[in-house]
């Protein structure tokens, strides 16, 4: 059953009027007819099954026949990731991280960052598309681009993956199977030594994601998957 994203949906809604763009997609692209059913979510755990009553090119109306409120996961994963120079690689990360499971994503501006501007609206659309495709009911929050210094000051605890010499814990062994988990993933040129020191001073633990040297987007996906495995 196809899933649609309606951010203003509430648990008490009985009659659903789809917005114009979604209505056009339902009528013209999907060619749905009266009596067909769809799933909708608000991205905050709510899942509704809707039976279509009226189908027009600019307005589709349906009635709620089932409502489910999915409980949140036992953990909350917040990834702060430096956007890649090739933005398509960062977009790929957003898509896959949404499919696997992540709660917050903060694009991180670091000393070695090669990309210092992002198009948040486009990135959010990619997250929504991945949410619908993978039938997730919690939409990840995409935060504004934030400087490294401001982020670690506001989030004074977590893990920092880096390639600098020094003792590091295995990420899989370091994380607990529940609670809040914040992970910092640096740009192609890695975090600066000063940034690593600053993070550690703010109660971040230096971690390893494996023996291989990973690209930014790969490291971020490894972190997401590691948390998902540890918390199953």
N, C-alpha and C. Protein backbone atom coordinates (compact mmCIF):
# COMPACT_ATOMS: atom_id res chain seq x y z
N UNK A 1 0.85 -1.20 0.00
CA UNK A 1 0.00 0.00 0.00
C UNK A 1 0.88 1.24 0.00
N UNK A 2 0.54 2.23 -0.82
CA UNK A 2 1.36 3.43 -0.96
C UNK A 2 1.24 4.32 0.27
N UNK A 3 2.36 4.95 0.64
CA UNK A 3 2.41 5.82 1.81
C UNK A 3 2.57 7.27 1.38
N UNK A 4 1.76 8.17 1.97
CA UNK A 4 1.83 9.59 1.70
C UNK A 4 2.18 10.33 2.98
N UNK A 5 2.84 11.47 2.82
CA UNK A 5 3.28 12.28 3.96
C UNK A 5 2.44 13.55 4.05
N UNK A 6 1.69 13.66 5.15
CA UNK A 6 0.88 14.84 5.43
C UNK A 6 1.27 15.37 6.81
N UNK A 7 2.17 16.35 6.87
CA UNK A 7 2.73 16.78 8.17
C UNK A 7 1.72 17.32 9.16
N UNK A 8 0.57 17.82 8.69
CA UNK A 8 -0.42 18.40 9.60
C UNK A 8 -1.46 17.38 10.07
N UNK A 9 -1.31 16.14 9.71
CA UNK A 9 -2.25 15.08 10.08
C UNK A 9 -2.29 14.89 11.60
N UNK A 10 -3.50 14.73 12.15
CA UNK A 10 -3.64 14.46 13.59
C UNK A 10 -4.43 13.17 13.80
N UNK A 11 -4.33 12.64 15.00
CA UNK A 11 -4.95 11.37 15.33
C UNK A 11 -6.48 11.42 15.26
N UNK A 12 -7.04 12.61 15.38
CA UNK A 12 -8.50 12.75 15.40
C UNK A 12 -9.10 13.03 14.02
N UNK A 13 -8.27 13.19 13.01
CA UNK A 13 -8.77 13.48 11.67
C UNK A 13 -9.55 12.28 11.12
N UNK A 14 -10.75 12.52 10.65
CA UNK A 14 -11.59 11.46 10.08
C UNK A 14 -11.74 11.60 8.57
N UNK A 15 -11.72 12.82 8.10
CA UNK A 15 -11.89 13.09 6.67
C UNK A 15 -10.63 13.80 6.18
N UNK A 16 -9.95 13.22 5.22
CA UNK A 16 -8.65 13.71 4.77
C UNK A 16 -8.78 14.33 3.39
N UNK A 17 -8.37 15.60 3.28
CA UNK A 17 -8.31 16.27 1.99
C UNK A 17 -6.83 16.39 1.59
N UNK A 18 -6.45 15.71 0.53
CA UNK A 18 -5.05 15.73 0.10
C UNK A 18 -4.74 17.05 -0.59
N UNK A 19 -3.53 17.58 -0.39
CA UNK A 19 -3.15 18.82 -1.08
C UNK A 19 -3.10 18.61 -2.60
N UNK A 20 -3.05 19.72 -3.31
CA UNK A 20 -3.19 19.69 -4.77
C UNK A 20 -2.13 18.79 -5.43
N UNK A 21 -0.87 18.94 -5.03
CA UNK A 21 0.20 18.16 -5.67
C UNK A 21 0.02 16.66 -5.43
N UNK A 22 -0.33 16.29 -4.21
CA UNK A 22 -0.54 14.88 -3.89
C UNK A 22 -1.80 14.36 -4.59
N UNK A 23 -2.82 15.20 -4.67
CA UNK A 23 -4.05 14.80 -5.35
C UNK A 23 -3.79 14.51 -6.83
N UNK A 24 -3.00 15.36 -7.45
CA UNK A 24 -2.64 15.16 -8.85
C UNK A 24 -1.89 13.85 -9.04
N UNK A 25 -1.00 13.55 -8.11
CA UNK A 25 -0.23 12.31 -8.20
C UNK A 25 -1.14 11.08 -8.04
N UNK A 26 -2.07 11.16 -7.10
CA UNK A 26 -3.00 10.05 -6.86
C UNK A 26 -3.89 9.82 -8.08
N UNK A 27 -4.40 10.91 -8.65
CA UNK A 27 -5.37 10.79 -9.75
C UNK A 27 -4.72 10.48 -11.10
N UNK A 28 -3.66 11.20 -11.42
CA UNK A 28 -3.08 11.08 -12.77
C UNK A 28 -1.99 10.01 -12.87
N UNK A 29 -1.10 9.99 -11.88
CA UNK A 29 0.05 9.08 -11.95
C UNK A 29 -0.32 7.68 -11.45
N UNK A 30 -0.93 7.62 -10.27
CA UNK A 30 -1.27 6.33 -9.69
C UNK A 30 -2.60 5.77 -10.21
N UNK A 31 -3.41 6.66 -10.75
CA UNK A 31 -4.72 6.29 -11.33
C UNK A 31 -5.59 5.52 -10.33
N UNK A 32 -5.62 6.06 -9.10
CA UNK A 32 -6.45 5.45 -8.07
C UNK A 32 -7.92 5.73 -8.35
N UNK A 33 -8.77 4.86 -7.88
CA UNK A 33 -10.21 5.02 -8.06
C UNK A 33 -10.91 5.01 -6.71
N UNK A 34 -12.16 5.42 -6.69
CA UNK A 34 -12.96 5.43 -5.47
C UNK A 34 -12.99 4.04 -4.84
N UNK A 35 -12.74 4.00 -3.53
CA UNK A 35 -12.71 2.73 -2.82
C UNK A 35 -11.31 2.20 -2.59
N UNK A 36 -10.32 2.70 -3.35
CA UNK A 36 -8.94 2.29 -3.12
C UNK A 36 -8.45 2.84 -1.78
N UNK A 37 -7.43 2.17 -1.23
CA UNK A 37 -6.91 2.58 0.07
C UNK A 37 -5.46 3.06 -0.04
N UNK A 38 -5.12 4.02 0.82
CA UNK A 38 -3.77 4.57 0.92
C UNK A 38 -3.38 4.66 2.38
N UNK A 39 -2.08 4.70 2.63
CA UNK A 39 -1.59 4.98 3.97
C UNK A 39 -1.05 6.40 4.01
N UNK A 40 -1.23 7.08 5.12
CA UNK A 40 -0.66 8.41 5.31
C UNK A 40 0.02 8.47 6.67
N UNK A 41 1.02 9.33 6.78
CA UNK A 41 1.71 9.54 8.04
C UNK A 41 2.03 11.02 8.19
N UNK A 42 2.16 11.46 9.43
CA UNK A 42 2.59 12.83 9.70
C UNK A 42 4.07 12.91 10.02
N UNK A 43 4.77 11.76 9.98
CA UNK A 43 6.19 11.74 10.28
C UNK A 43 6.50 11.79 11.76
N UNK A 44 5.46 11.68 12.59
CA UNK A 44 5.63 11.69 14.05
C UNK A 44 5.02 10.44 14.67
N UNK A 45 5.08 9.35 13.94
CA UNK A 45 4.63 8.06 14.46
C UNK A 45 3.23 7.66 14.07
N UNK A 46 2.46 8.58 13.49
CA UNK A 46 1.07 8.30 13.15
C UNK A 46 0.96 7.61 11.79
N UNK A 47 0.21 6.53 11.75
CA UNK A 47 -0.09 5.82 10.50
C UNK A 47 -1.61 5.71 10.37
N UNK A 48 -2.13 6.16 9.24
CA UNK A 48 -3.57 6.06 8.99
C UNK A 48 -3.80 5.35 7.66
N UNK A 49 -4.82 4.52 7.64
CA UNK A 49 -5.29 3.92 6.39
C UNK A 49 -6.51 4.71 5.94
N UNK A 50 -6.46 5.18 4.70
CA UNK A 50 -7.50 6.04 4.16
C UNK A 50 -8.19 5.34 2.98
N UNK A 51 -9.50 5.36 2.98
CA UNK A 51 -10.26 4.87 1.84
C UNK A 51 -10.73 6.07 1.02
N UNK A 52 -10.41 6.06 -0.27
CA UNK A 52 -10.70 7.20 -1.12
C UNK A 52 -12.19 7.28 -1.44
N UNK A 53 -12.73 8.49 -1.27
CA UNK A 53 -14.16 8.72 -1.50
C UNK A 53 -14.40 9.56 -2.76
N UNK A 54 -13.53 10.53 -2.95
CA UNK A 54 -13.69 11.45 -4.08
C UNK A 54 -12.34 11.69 -4.73
N UNK A 55 -12.26 11.55 -6.05
CA UNK A 55 -11.00 11.71 -6.76
C UNK A 55 -11.16 12.74 -7.87
N UNK A 56 -10.42 13.83 -7.76
CA UNK A 56 -10.39 14.86 -8.78
C UNK A 56 -8.95 15.21 -9.10
N UNK A 57 -8.75 15.95 -10.18
CA UNK A 57 -7.40 16.30 -10.60
C UNK A 57 -6.70 17.23 -9.60
N UNK A 58 -7.48 18.02 -8.87
CA UNK A 58 -6.88 18.97 -7.94
C UNK A 58 -7.28 18.72 -6.49
N UNK A 59 -8.20 17.78 -6.26
CA UNK A 59 -8.61 17.48 -4.88
C UNK A 59 -9.03 16.02 -4.76
N UNK A 60 -8.35 15.33 -3.84
CA UNK A 60 -8.72 13.95 -3.50
C UNK A 60 -9.12 13.93 -2.04
N UNK A 61 -10.25 13.28 -1.74
CA UNK A 61 -10.77 13.21 -0.38
C UNK A 61 -10.94 11.75 0.02
N UNK A 62 -10.59 11.44 1.24
CA UNK A 62 -10.75 10.08 1.74
C UNK A 62 -11.19 10.07 3.19
N UNK A 63 -11.57 8.91 3.66
CA UNK A 63 -12.02 8.74 5.05
C UNK A 63 -11.11 7.77 5.79
N UNK A 64 -10.86 8.09 7.05
CA UNK A 64 -9.99 7.25 7.89
C UNK A 64 -10.72 5.97 8.27
N UNK A 65 -10.07 4.82 8.01
CA UNK A 65 -10.67 3.55 8.42
C UNK A 65 -9.83 2.82 9.47
N UNK A 66 -8.57 3.27 9.65
CA UNK A 66 -7.72 2.67 10.69
C UNK A 66 -6.65 3.67 11.10
N UNK A 67 -6.36 3.71 12.40
CA UNK A 67 -5.32 4.60 12.93
C UNK A 67 -4.38 3.81 13.84
N UNK A 68 -3.08 3.97 13.62
CA UNK A 68 -2.07 3.33 14.46
C UNK A 68 -1.06 4.39 14.87
N UNK A 69 -0.72 4.42 16.14
CA UNK A 69 0.34 5.31 16.62
C UNK A 69 1.53 4.45 17.01
N UNK A 70 2.58 4.53 16.22
CA UNK A 70 3.76 3.70 16.45
C UNK A 70 4.62 4.29 17.57
N UNK A 71 5.06 3.47 18.52
CA UNK A 71 5.90 3.99 19.60
C UNK A 71 7.28 4.36 19.08
N UNK A 72 7.91 5.35 19.69
CA UNK A 72 9.28 5.70 19.27
C UNK A 72 10.26 4.60 19.64
N UNK A 73 11.40 4.60 18.97
CA UNK A 73 12.44 3.63 19.28
C UNK A 73 13.05 3.91 20.65
N UNK A 74 13.78 2.94 21.17
CA UNK A 74 14.40 3.08 22.48
C UNK A 74 15.59 4.03 22.47
N UNK A 75 16.08 4.35 21.27
CA UNK A 75 17.22 5.25 21.16
C UNK A 75 16.87 6.44 20.27
N UNK A 76 17.64 7.51 20.42
CA UNK A 76 17.50 8.70 19.58
C UNK A 76 18.88 9.00 19.00
N UNK A 77 19.02 8.82 17.68
CA UNK A 77 20.31 9.01 17.03
C UNK A 77 20.36 10.38 16.35
N UNK A 78 21.36 11.15 16.72
CA UNK A 78 21.60 12.47 16.13
C UNK A 78 22.94 12.43 15.43
N UNK A 79 22.93 12.57 14.11
CA UNK A 79 24.16 12.59 13.32
C UNK A 79 24.48 14.01 12.90
N UNK A 80 25.68 14.47 13.22
CA UNK A 80 26.17 15.75 12.73
C UNK A 80 27.25 15.45 11.69
N UNK A 81 26.94 15.77 10.44
CA UNK A 81 27.78 15.32 9.31
C UNK A 81 28.15 16.51 8.44
N UNK A 82 29.43 16.62 8.10
CA UNK A 82 29.88 17.68 7.19
C UNK A 82 29.40 17.36 5.77
N UNK A 83 28.63 18.24 5.14
CA UNK A 83 28.19 17.98 3.76
C UNK A 83 29.38 17.82 2.81
N UNK A 84 29.26 16.89 1.89
CA UNK A 84 30.34 16.60 0.96
C UNK A 84 30.41 17.64 -0.15
N UNK A 85 31.60 17.78 -0.75
CA UNK A 85 31.77 18.72 -1.87
C UNK A 85 30.82 18.36 -3.00
N UNK A 86 30.74 17.07 -3.32
CA UNK A 86 29.76 16.57 -4.29
C UNK A 86 28.45 16.34 -3.53
N UNK A 87 27.50 17.25 -3.69
CA UNK A 87 26.29 17.21 -2.86
C UNK A 87 25.47 15.96 -3.08
N UNK A 88 25.59 15.33 -4.26
CA UNK A 88 24.82 14.11 -4.52
C UNK A 88 25.21 13.00 -3.55
N UNK A 89 26.45 12.99 -3.10
CA UNK A 89 26.86 11.98 -2.12
C UNK A 89 26.22 12.23 -0.77
N UNK A 90 26.04 13.49 -0.39
CA UNK A 90 25.36 13.82 0.86
C UNK A 90 23.88 13.49 0.75
N UNK A 91 23.30 13.74 -0.41
CA UNK A 91 21.90 13.39 -0.64
C UNK A 91 21.68 11.89 -0.54
N UNK A 92 22.62 11.12 -1.08
CA UNK A 92 22.56 9.65 -0.98
C UNK A 92 22.57 9.23 0.49
N UNK A 93 23.44 9.85 1.28
CA UNK A 93 23.50 9.55 2.71
C UNK A 93 22.16 9.84 3.39
N UNK A 94 21.54 10.98 3.08
CA UNK A 94 20.26 11.32 3.69
C UNK A 94 19.20 10.27 3.37
N UNK A 95 19.17 9.85 2.12
CA UNK A 95 18.20 8.85 1.69
C UNK A 95 18.38 7.54 2.46
N UNK A 96 19.61 7.04 2.49
CA UNK A 96 19.87 5.74 3.12
C UNK A 96 19.74 5.82 4.64
N UNK A 97 20.17 6.90 5.24
CA UNK A 97 20.04 7.05 6.70
C UNK A 97 18.58 7.07 7.11
N UNK A 98 17.73 7.71 6.31
CA UNK A 98 16.30 7.73 6.59
C UNK A 98 15.72 6.32 6.51
N UNK A 99 16.14 5.57 5.51
CA UNK A 99 15.66 4.19 5.35
C UNK A 99 16.05 3.32 6.55
N UNK A 100 17.29 3.48 7.03
CA UNK A 100 17.80 2.63 8.12
C UNK A 100 17.23 3.08 9.47
N UNK A 101 17.21 4.39 9.69
CA UNK A 101 16.68 4.92 10.94
C UNK A 101 17.60 5.93 11.60
N UNK A 102 17.21 7.20 11.56
CA UNK A 102 17.95 8.27 12.23
C UNK A 102 16.92 9.31 12.66
N UNK A 103 17.21 10.03 13.72
CA UNK A 103 16.21 10.93 14.29
C UNK A 103 16.49 12.40 14.00
N UNK A 104 17.76 12.78 14.06
CA UNK A 104 18.14 14.15 13.73
C UNK A 104 19.40 14.13 12.89
N UNK A 105 19.47 15.08 11.93
CA UNK A 105 20.67 15.25 11.12
C UNK A 105 21.03 16.73 11.13
N UNK A 106 22.26 17.04 11.51
CA UNK A 106 22.74 18.41 11.48
C UNK A 106 23.90 18.51 10.50
N UNK A 107 23.75 19.24 9.39
CA UNK A 107 24.89 19.50 8.52
C UNK A 107 25.92 20.33 9.29
N UNK A 108 27.17 19.91 9.24
CA UNK A 108 28.20 20.47 10.11
C UNK A 108 29.23 21.24 9.28
N UNK A 109 29.50 22.47 9.69
CA UNK A 109 30.51 23.30 9.04
C UNK A 109 31.80 23.22 9.83
N UNK A 110 32.82 22.63 9.19
CA UNK A 110 34.09 22.34 9.89
C UNK A 110 35.24 23.13 9.27
N UNK A 111 36.40 23.06 9.92
CA UNK A 111 37.58 23.78 9.44
C UNK A 111 37.98 23.34 8.03
N UNK A 112 37.84 22.06 7.72
CA UNK A 112 38.24 21.53 6.42
C UNK A 112 37.07 21.34 5.46
N UNK A 113 35.92 21.89 5.78
CA UNK A 113 34.75 21.73 4.92
C UNK A 113 34.98 22.36 3.55
N UNK A 114 34.65 21.62 2.50
CA UNK A 114 34.72 22.14 1.14
C UNK A 114 33.36 22.66 0.67
N UNK A 115 32.30 22.25 1.34
CA UNK A 115 30.96 22.76 1.02
C UNK A 115 30.44 23.55 2.21
N UNK A 116 30.13 24.81 1.96
CA UNK A 116 29.72 25.69 3.05
C UNK A 116 28.30 26.23 2.88
N UNK A 117 27.61 25.74 1.83
CA UNK A 117 26.23 26.16 1.57
C UNK A 117 25.42 24.92 1.20
N UNK A 118 24.20 24.82 1.71
CA UNK A 118 23.31 23.72 1.35
C UNK A 118 21.93 24.27 0.99
N UNK A 119 21.16 23.49 0.25
CA UNK A 119 19.79 23.85 -0.08
C UNK A 119 18.87 22.97 0.78
N UNK A 120 18.49 23.52 1.92
CA UNK A 120 17.77 22.73 2.92
C UNK A 120 16.44 22.21 2.39
N UNK A 121 15.75 23.00 1.57
CA UNK A 121 14.45 22.57 1.07
C UNK A 121 14.58 21.33 0.20
N UNK A 122 15.58 21.32 -0.66
CA UNK A 122 15.80 20.15 -1.51
C UNK A 122 16.17 18.92 -0.67
N UNK A 123 17.04 19.11 0.32
CA UNK A 123 17.46 18.00 1.17
C UNK A 123 16.28 17.44 1.95
N UNK A 124 15.38 18.32 2.40
CA UNK A 124 14.21 17.85 3.14
C UNK A 124 13.28 17.03 2.24
N UNK A 125 13.16 17.41 0.97
CA UNK A 125 12.34 16.65 0.03
C UNK A 125 12.91 15.25 -0.18
N UNK A 126 14.21 15.13 -0.18
CA UNK A 126 14.85 13.82 -0.32
C UNK A 126 14.52 12.95 0.89
N UNK A 127 14.54 13.54 2.07
CA UNK A 127 14.20 12.81 3.29
C UNK A 127 12.75 12.33 3.23
N UNK A 128 11.84 13.19 2.81
CA UNK A 128 10.42 12.83 2.71
C UNK A 128 10.22 11.69 1.71
N UNK A 129 10.89 11.77 0.56
CA UNK A 129 10.77 10.72 -0.45
C UNK A 129 11.27 9.37 0.10
N UNK A 130 12.37 9.40 0.84
CA UNK A 130 12.91 8.17 1.43
C UNK A 130 11.99 7.64 2.53
N UNK A 131 11.39 8.54 3.29
CA UNK A 131 10.42 8.16 4.32
C UNK A 131 9.27 7.38 3.70
N UNK A 132 8.71 7.90 2.61
CA UNK A 132 7.56 7.27 1.96
C UNK A 132 7.96 5.94 1.31
N UNK A 133 9.12 5.93 0.67
CA UNK A 133 9.55 4.73 -0.04
C UNK A 133 9.79 3.57 0.93
N UNK A 134 10.39 3.88 2.09
CA UNK A 134 10.76 2.83 3.04
C UNK A 134 9.67 2.57 4.09
N UNK A 135 8.57 3.32 3.99
CA UNK A 135 7.44 3.17 4.91
C UNK A 135 7.87 3.33 6.37
N UNK A 136 8.57 4.43 6.61
CA UNK A 136 8.90 4.84 7.96
C UNK A 136 7.82 5.79 8.45
N UNK A 137 7.62 5.84 9.77
CA UNK A 137 6.57 6.70 10.30
C UNK A 137 7.11 7.81 11.19
N UNK A 138 8.44 7.89 11.30
CA UNK A 138 9.08 9.00 12.00
C UNK A 138 10.04 9.68 11.03
N UNK A 139 9.76 10.92 10.72
CA UNK A 139 10.60 11.67 9.78
C UNK A 139 11.79 12.27 10.51
N UNK A 140 13.02 12.03 10.02
CA UNK A 140 14.18 12.67 10.63
C UNK A 140 14.09 14.19 10.56
N UNK A 141 14.56 14.85 11.61
CA UNK A 141 14.62 16.31 11.64
C UNK A 141 15.92 16.75 10.97
N UNK A 142 15.81 17.63 9.99
CA UNK A 142 16.99 18.20 9.35
C UNK A 142 17.23 19.59 9.93
N UNK A 143 18.30 19.74 10.68
CA UNK A 143 18.62 21.02 11.31
C UNK A 143 19.40 21.93 10.37
N UNK A 144 19.47 23.21 10.68
CA UNK A 144 20.25 24.14 9.84
C UNK A 144 21.74 23.82 9.88
N UNK A 145 22.45 24.26 8.86
CA UNK A 145 23.90 24.15 8.84
C UNK A 145 24.48 24.86 10.05
N UNK A 146 25.32 24.16 10.81
CA UNK A 146 25.81 24.65 12.10
C UNK A 146 27.32 24.52 12.16
N UNK A 147 27.99 25.51 12.74
CA UNK A 147 29.44 25.43 12.90
C UNK A 147 29.81 24.37 13.92
N UNK A 148 30.97 23.77 13.75
CA UNK A 148 31.44 22.73 14.66
C UNK A 148 31.47 23.25 16.10
N UNK A 149 32.01 24.43 16.28
CA UNK A 149 32.14 25.00 17.62
C UNK A 149 30.79 25.17 18.29
N UNK A 150 29.82 25.71 17.55
CA UNK A 150 28.49 25.91 18.12
C UNK A 150 27.80 24.59 18.44
N UNK A 151 28.03 23.60 17.58
CA UNK A 151 27.36 22.32 17.80
C UNK A 151 27.85 21.64 19.07
N UNK A 152 29.16 21.51 19.23
CA UNK A 152 29.67 20.79 20.41
C UNK A 152 29.38 21.56 21.69
N UNK A 153 29.24 22.88 21.60
CA UNK A 153 28.88 23.66 22.78
C UNK A 153 27.43 23.40 23.18
N UNK A 154 26.56 23.22 22.17
CA UNK A 154 25.14 23.00 22.44
C UNK A 154 24.83 21.55 22.75
N UNK A 155 25.67 20.62 22.27
CA UNK A 155 25.48 19.17 22.47
C UNK A 155 26.74 18.61 23.14
N UNK A 156 26.91 18.85 24.44
CA UNK A 156 28.18 18.52 25.10
C UNK A 156 28.34 17.06 25.50
N UNK A 157 28.10 16.15 24.60
CA UNK A 157 28.33 14.73 24.89
C UNK A 157 28.05 13.93 23.63
N UNK A 158 28.92 12.96 23.35
CA UNK A 158 28.69 12.12 22.18
C UNK A 158 29.95 11.42 21.73
N UNK A 159 30.04 11.19 20.41
CA UNK A 159 31.16 10.45 19.83
C UNK A 159 31.67 11.20 18.61
N UNK A 160 32.99 11.18 18.43
CA UNK A 160 33.57 11.82 17.26
C UNK A 160 34.43 10.80 16.51
N UNK A 161 34.06 10.50 15.29
CA UNK A 161 34.82 9.58 14.45
C UNK A 161 35.90 10.39 13.73
N UNK A 162 37.13 9.91 13.79
CA UNK A 162 38.22 10.64 13.14
C UNK A 162 39.38 9.71 12.84
N UNK A 163 40.31 10.18 11.99
CA UNK A 163 41.45 9.36 11.56
C UNK A 163 42.76 9.81 12.20
N UNK A 164 42.70 10.69 13.18
CA UNK A 164 43.92 11.16 13.83
C UNK A 164 44.53 10.05 14.70
N UNK A 165 45.87 10.08 14.88
CA UNK A 165 46.49 9.10 15.78
C UNK A 165 45.96 9.25 17.20
N UNK A 166 46.02 8.17 17.94
CA UNK A 166 45.56 8.22 19.31
C UNK A 166 44.60 7.09 19.62
N UNK A 167 44.33 6.90 20.88
CA UNK A 167 43.46 5.81 21.31
C UNK A 167 42.01 6.10 20.97
N UNK A 168 41.34 5.09 20.40
CA UNK A 168 39.93 5.23 20.05
C UNK A 168 39.19 3.97 20.46
N UNK A 169 37.95 4.14 20.86
CA UNK A 169 37.09 3.00 21.16
C UNK A 169 36.39 2.53 19.90
N UNK A 170 36.08 1.24 19.85
CA UNK A 170 35.21 0.73 18.80
C UNK A 170 33.81 1.31 19.02
N UNK A 171 33.22 1.88 17.98
CA UNK A 171 31.90 2.49 18.13
C UNK A 171 30.87 1.46 18.57
N UNK A 172 30.93 0.28 18.00
CA UNK A 172 29.96 -0.75 18.35
C UNK A 172 30.03 -1.09 19.84
N UNK A 173 31.25 -1.16 20.36
CA UNK A 173 31.41 -1.49 21.77
C UNK A 173 31.10 -0.33 22.70
N UNK A 174 31.20 0.89 22.19
CA UNK A 174 31.04 2.06 23.05
C UNK A 174 29.59 2.44 23.30
N UNK A 175 28.71 2.17 22.34
CA UNK A 175 27.34 2.67 22.45
C UNK A 175 26.45 1.75 23.29
N UNK A 176 25.51 2.37 23.99
CA UNK A 176 24.51 1.64 24.76
C UNK A 176 23.30 1.37 23.86
N UNK A 177 22.54 0.30 24.14
CA UNK A 177 21.40 -0.05 23.29
C UNK A 177 20.17 0.82 23.46
N UNK A 178 20.25 1.87 24.23
CA UNK A 178 19.12 2.79 24.39
C UNK A 178 19.65 4.16 24.80
N UNK A 179 18.77 5.17 24.74
CA UNK A 179 19.17 6.51 25.13
C UNK A 179 19.52 7.37 23.94
N UNK A 180 20.10 8.54 24.21
CA UNK A 180 20.47 9.49 23.17
C UNK A 180 21.90 9.25 22.71
N UNK A 181 22.09 9.23 21.39
CA UNK A 181 23.41 8.98 20.80
C UNK A 181 23.69 10.09 19.79
N UNK A 182 24.78 10.82 20.00
CA UNK A 182 25.19 11.87 19.07
C UNK A 182 26.54 11.50 18.47
N UNK A 183 26.64 11.56 17.16
CA UNK A 183 27.87 11.17 16.46
C UNK A 183 28.30 12.28 15.50
N UNK A 184 29.57 12.63 15.54
CA UNK A 184 30.14 13.63 14.64
C UNK A 184 30.92 12.93 13.53
N UNK A 185 30.63 13.28 12.28
CA UNK A 185 31.32 12.74 11.11
C UNK A 185 31.88 13.92 10.34
N UNK A 186 33.19 13.90 10.09
CA UNK A 186 33.85 15.06 9.50
C UNK A 186 33.85 15.10 7.98
N UNK A 187 34.46 16.15 7.41
CA UNK A 187 34.52 16.31 5.97
C UNK A 187 35.58 15.41 5.34
N UNK A 188 35.74 15.52 4.01
CA UNK A 188 36.70 14.68 3.30
C UNK A 188 38.12 14.80 3.89
N UNK A 189 38.48 15.99 4.33
CA UNK A 189 39.81 16.20 4.90
C UNK A 189 39.89 15.92 6.39
N UNK A 190 38.86 15.31 6.96
CA UNK A 190 38.77 14.95 8.38
C UNK A 190 38.63 16.21 9.25
N UNK A 191 38.32 15.98 10.51
CA UNK A 191 38.31 17.08 11.47
C UNK A 191 39.74 17.59 11.67
N UNK A 192 39.88 18.83 12.04
CA UNK A 192 41.20 19.34 12.42
C UNK A 192 41.55 18.80 13.80
N UNK A 193 42.85 18.82 14.12
CA UNK A 193 43.28 18.37 15.45
C UNK A 193 42.64 19.22 16.54
N UNK A 194 42.48 20.50 16.25
CA UNK A 194 41.85 21.40 17.22
C UNK A 194 40.39 21.02 17.47
N UNK A 195 39.68 20.64 16.40
CA UNK A 195 38.28 20.23 16.55
C UNK A 195 38.16 18.95 17.36
N UNK A 196 39.05 18.00 17.13
CA UNK A 196 39.02 16.77 17.91
C UNK A 196 39.25 17.08 19.39
N UNK A 197 40.22 17.92 19.67
CA UNK A 197 40.50 18.30 21.06
C UNK A 197 39.30 19.02 21.69
N UNK A 198 38.69 19.91 20.93
CA UNK A 198 37.53 20.65 21.43
C UNK A 198 36.39 19.70 21.77
N UNK A 199 36.16 18.71 20.90
CA UNK A 199 35.09 17.74 21.15
C UNK A 199 35.37 16.94 22.41
N UNK A 200 36.59 16.48 22.55
CA UNK A 200 36.95 15.67 23.73
C UNK A 200 36.81 16.49 25.00
N UNK A 201 37.14 17.77 24.93
CA UNK A 201 36.97 18.65 26.08
C UNK A 201 35.49 18.82 26.44
N UNK A 202 34.61 18.59 25.45
CA UNK A 202 33.16 18.69 25.68
C UNK A 202 32.51 17.31 25.85
N UNK A 203 33.30 16.37 26.38
CA UNK A 203 32.81 15.03 26.75
C UNK A 203 32.43 14.14 25.56
N UNK A 204 33.07 14.38 24.42
CA UNK A 204 32.93 13.46 23.30
C UNK A 204 34.02 12.40 23.38
N UNK A 205 33.68 11.18 22.98
CA UNK A 205 34.65 10.09 22.95
C UNK A 205 35.13 9.88 21.52
N UNK A 206 36.43 9.74 21.34
CA UNK A 206 36.98 9.44 20.02
C UNK A 206 36.68 7.98 19.70
N UNK A 207 36.14 7.74 18.50
CA UNK A 207 35.74 6.37 18.13
C UNK A 207 36.31 5.98 16.77
N UNK A 208 36.36 4.67 16.58
CA UNK A 208 36.75 4.09 15.29
C UNK A 208 35.53 3.39 14.69
N UNK A 209 35.36 3.55 13.39
CA UNK A 209 34.29 2.87 12.67
C UNK A 209 34.83 1.69 11.87
N UNK A 210 36.08 1.32 12.13
CA UNK A 210 36.68 0.19 11.43
C UNK A 210 38.09 0.53 10.97
N UNK A 211 38.75 -0.45 10.38
CA UNK A 211 40.13 -0.28 9.95
C UNK A 211 40.26 0.52 8.66
N UNK A 212 39.22 0.47 7.83
CA UNK A 212 39.29 1.14 6.54
C UNK A 212 39.14 2.66 6.68
N UNK A 213 39.72 3.38 5.73
CA UNK A 213 39.52 4.83 5.68
C UNK A 213 38.28 5.09 4.84
N UNK A 214 37.24 5.62 5.45
CA UNK A 214 35.94 5.73 4.80
C UNK A 214 35.67 7.16 4.32
N UNK A 215 34.92 7.25 3.21
CA UNK A 215 34.41 8.55 2.78
C UNK A 215 33.41 9.06 3.82
N UNK A 216 33.17 10.35 3.78
CA UNK A 216 32.25 10.97 4.75
C UNK A 216 30.89 10.28 4.76
N UNK A 217 30.28 10.14 3.58
CA UNK A 217 28.93 9.58 3.52
C UNK A 217 28.93 8.10 3.91
N UNK A 218 30.01 7.38 3.61
CA UNK A 218 30.10 5.97 3.99
C UNK A 218 30.23 5.83 5.50
N UNK A 219 31.08 6.67 6.09
CA UNK A 219 31.26 6.65 7.55
C UNK A 219 29.93 6.93 8.26
N UNK A 220 29.17 7.88 7.73
CA UNK A 220 27.88 8.22 8.34
C UNK A 220 26.91 7.05 8.27
N UNK A 221 26.89 6.36 7.14
CA UNK A 221 26.00 5.21 7.00
C UNK A 221 26.44 4.06 7.91
N UNK A 222 27.74 3.85 8.02
CA UNK A 222 28.25 2.82 8.94
C UNK A 222 27.81 3.13 10.36
N UNK A 223 27.86 4.40 10.76
CA UNK A 223 27.43 4.79 12.11
C UNK A 223 25.95 4.50 12.32
N UNK A 224 25.12 4.86 11.33
CA UNK A 224 23.68 4.61 11.44
C UNK A 224 23.40 3.11 11.55
N UNK A 225 24.05 2.34 10.70
CA UNK A 225 23.81 0.88 10.70
C UNK A 225 24.32 0.24 11.98
N UNK A 226 25.44 0.71 12.50
CA UNK A 226 25.99 0.17 13.74
C UNK A 226 25.01 0.37 14.89
N UNK A 227 24.43 1.57 14.98
CA UNK A 227 23.45 1.84 16.04
C UNK A 227 22.23 0.96 15.87
N UNK A 228 21.77 0.80 14.63
CA UNK A 228 20.60 -0.05 14.39
C UNK A 228 20.86 -1.49 14.81
N UNK A 229 22.05 -2.00 14.52
CA UNK A 229 22.41 -3.37 14.91
C UNK A 229 22.49 -3.51 16.43
N UNK A 230 23.11 -2.53 17.07
CA UNK A 230 23.34 -2.61 18.52
C UNK A 230 22.02 -2.52 19.30
N UNK A 231 21.05 -1.85 18.72
CA UNK A 231 19.81 -1.59 19.46
C UNK A 231 18.67 -2.54 19.07
N UNK A 232 18.96 -3.52 18.26
CA UNK A 232 17.90 -4.49 17.88
C UNK A 232 17.52 -5.37 19.06
